[in-house]
């Protein structure tokens, strides 16, 4: 059972990390754009 759950949880954790990193990157770039447009 643990052999089945571990790969899934590892994949899920990696997936959520990628998603949060992409989201944070988008927020940062959006913030930079706002600051550049409205200094």
N, C-alpha and C. Protein backbone atom coordinates (compact mmCIF):
# COMPACT_ATOMS: atom_id res chain seq x y z
N UNK A 1 0.85 -1.20 0.00
CA UNK A 1 0.00 0.00 0.00
C UNK A 1 0.88 1.25 0.00
N UNK A 2 1.87 1.29 0.89
CA UNK A 2 2.73 2.47 0.95
C UNK A 2 3.47 2.65 -0.37
N UNK A 3 3.76 1.53 -1.05
CA UNK A 3 4.46 1.62 -2.34
C UNK A 3 3.60 2.32 -3.37
N UNK A 4 2.28 2.24 -3.21
CA UNK A 4 1.39 2.87 -4.18
C UNK A 4 1.14 4.33 -3.82
N UNK A 5 1.09 4.63 -2.54
CA UNK A 5 0.73 5.99 -2.12
C UNK A 5 1.93 6.94 -2.24
N UNK A 6 3.13 6.43 -1.98
CA UNK A 6 4.30 7.32 -2.00
C UNK A 6 4.56 7.95 -3.36
N UNK A 7 4.61 7.17 -4.45
CA UNK A 7 4.86 7.80 -5.75
C UNK A 7 3.79 8.83 -6.08
N UNK A 8 2.54 8.54 -5.70
CA UNK A 8 1.46 9.49 -5.99
C UNK A 8 1.66 10.77 -5.20
N UNK A 9 1.97 10.64 -3.90
CA UNK A 9 2.12 11.84 -3.07
C UNK A 9 3.35 12.63 -3.53
N UNK A 10 4.42 11.94 -3.92
CA UNK A 10 5.60 12.66 -4.42
C UNK A 10 5.23 13.44 -5.67
N UNK A 11 4.51 12.79 -6.59
CA UNK A 11 4.11 13.45 -7.82
C UNK A 11 3.19 14.62 -7.52
N UNK A 12 2.28 14.42 -6.58
CA UNK A 12 1.33 15.47 -6.23
C UNK A 12 2.05 16.66 -5.61
N UNK A 13 3.02 16.38 -4.73
CA UNK A 13 3.77 17.47 -4.09
C UNK A 13 4.56 18.23 -5.15
N UNK A 14 5.23 17.50 -6.06
CA UNK A 14 5.99 18.17 -7.11
C UNK A 14 5.06 19.00 -7.98
N UNK A 15 3.87 18.47 -8.29
CA UNK A 15 2.91 19.19 -9.13
C UNK A 15 2.46 20.47 -8.45
N UNK A 16 2.12 20.39 -7.16
CA UNK A 16 1.65 21.58 -6.45
C UNK A 16 2.77 22.59 -6.32
N UNK A 17 4.01 22.12 -6.14
CA UNK A 17 5.14 23.04 -6.05
C UNK A 17 5.30 23.77 -7.38
N UNK A 18 5.19 23.05 -8.49
CA UNK A 18 5.32 23.68 -9.81
C UNK A 18 4.21 24.70 -10.00
N UNK A 19 2.99 24.33 -9.62
CA UNK A 19 1.86 25.23 -9.80
C UNK A 19 2.04 26.49 -8.95
N UNK A 20 2.45 26.32 -7.69
CA UNK A 20 2.62 27.48 -6.81
C UNK A 20 3.77 28.35 -7.31
N UNK A 21 4.82 27.73 -7.83
CA UNK A 21 5.94 28.51 -8.37
C UNK A 21 5.49 29.30 -9.58
N UNK A 22 4.70 28.67 -10.47
CA UNK A 22 4.21 29.36 -11.65
C UNK A 22 3.28 30.50 -11.24
N UNK A 23 2.44 30.25 -10.25
CA UNK A 23 1.51 31.28 -9.78
C UNK A 23 2.28 32.44 -9.17
N UNK A 24 3.27 32.13 -8.33
CA UNK A 24 4.07 33.19 -7.71
C UNK A 24 4.82 33.97 -8.78
N UNK A 25 5.34 33.29 -9.79
CA UNK A 25 6.05 33.97 -10.86
C UNK A 25 5.13 34.91 -11.61
N UNK A 26 3.88 34.48 -11.84
CA UNK A 26 2.92 35.33 -12.55
C UNK A 26 2.59 36.55 -11.70
N UNK A 27 2.39 36.34 -10.41
CA UNK A 27 2.06 37.45 -9.52
C UNK A 27 3.21 38.46 -9.50
N UNK A 28 4.44 37.96 -9.42
CA UNK A 28 5.60 38.84 -9.39
C UNK A 28 5.69 39.63 -10.69
N UNK A 29 5.51 38.97 -11.84
CA UNK A 29 5.62 39.66 -13.12
C UNK A 29 4.49 40.68 -13.25
N UNK A 30 3.28 40.32 -12.81
CA UNK A 30 2.16 41.26 -12.85
C UNK A 30 2.45 42.46 -11.97
N UNK A 31 3.05 42.22 -10.81
CA UNK A 31 3.37 43.32 -9.90
C UNK A 31 4.42 44.22 -10.52
N UNK A 32 5.42 43.63 -11.18
CA UNK A 32 6.46 44.43 -11.82
C UNK A 32 5.85 45.29 -12.92
N UNK A 33 4.93 44.71 -13.69
CA UNK A 33 4.29 45.45 -14.78
C UNK A 33 3.51 46.63 -14.19
N UNK A 34 2.80 46.39 -13.09
CA UNK A 34 2.02 47.46 -12.46
C UNK A 34 2.95 48.58 -11.99
N UNK A 35 4.08 48.22 -11.40
CA UNK A 35 5.01 49.23 -10.90
C UNK A 35 5.63 50.00 -12.07
N UNK A 36 5.88 49.30 -13.17
CA UNK A 36 6.47 49.97 -14.33
C UNK A 36 5.47 50.94 -14.95
N UNK A 37 4.21 50.56 -14.98
CA UNK A 37 3.18 51.42 -15.57
C UNK A 37 2.83 52.56 -14.63
N UNK A 38 2.81 52.27 -13.33
CA UNK A 38 2.44 53.29 -12.34
C UNK A 38 3.55 53.41 -11.30
N UNK A 39 4.62 54.11 -11.62
CA UNK A 39 5.75 54.20 -10.69
C UNK A 39 5.38 55.00 -9.45
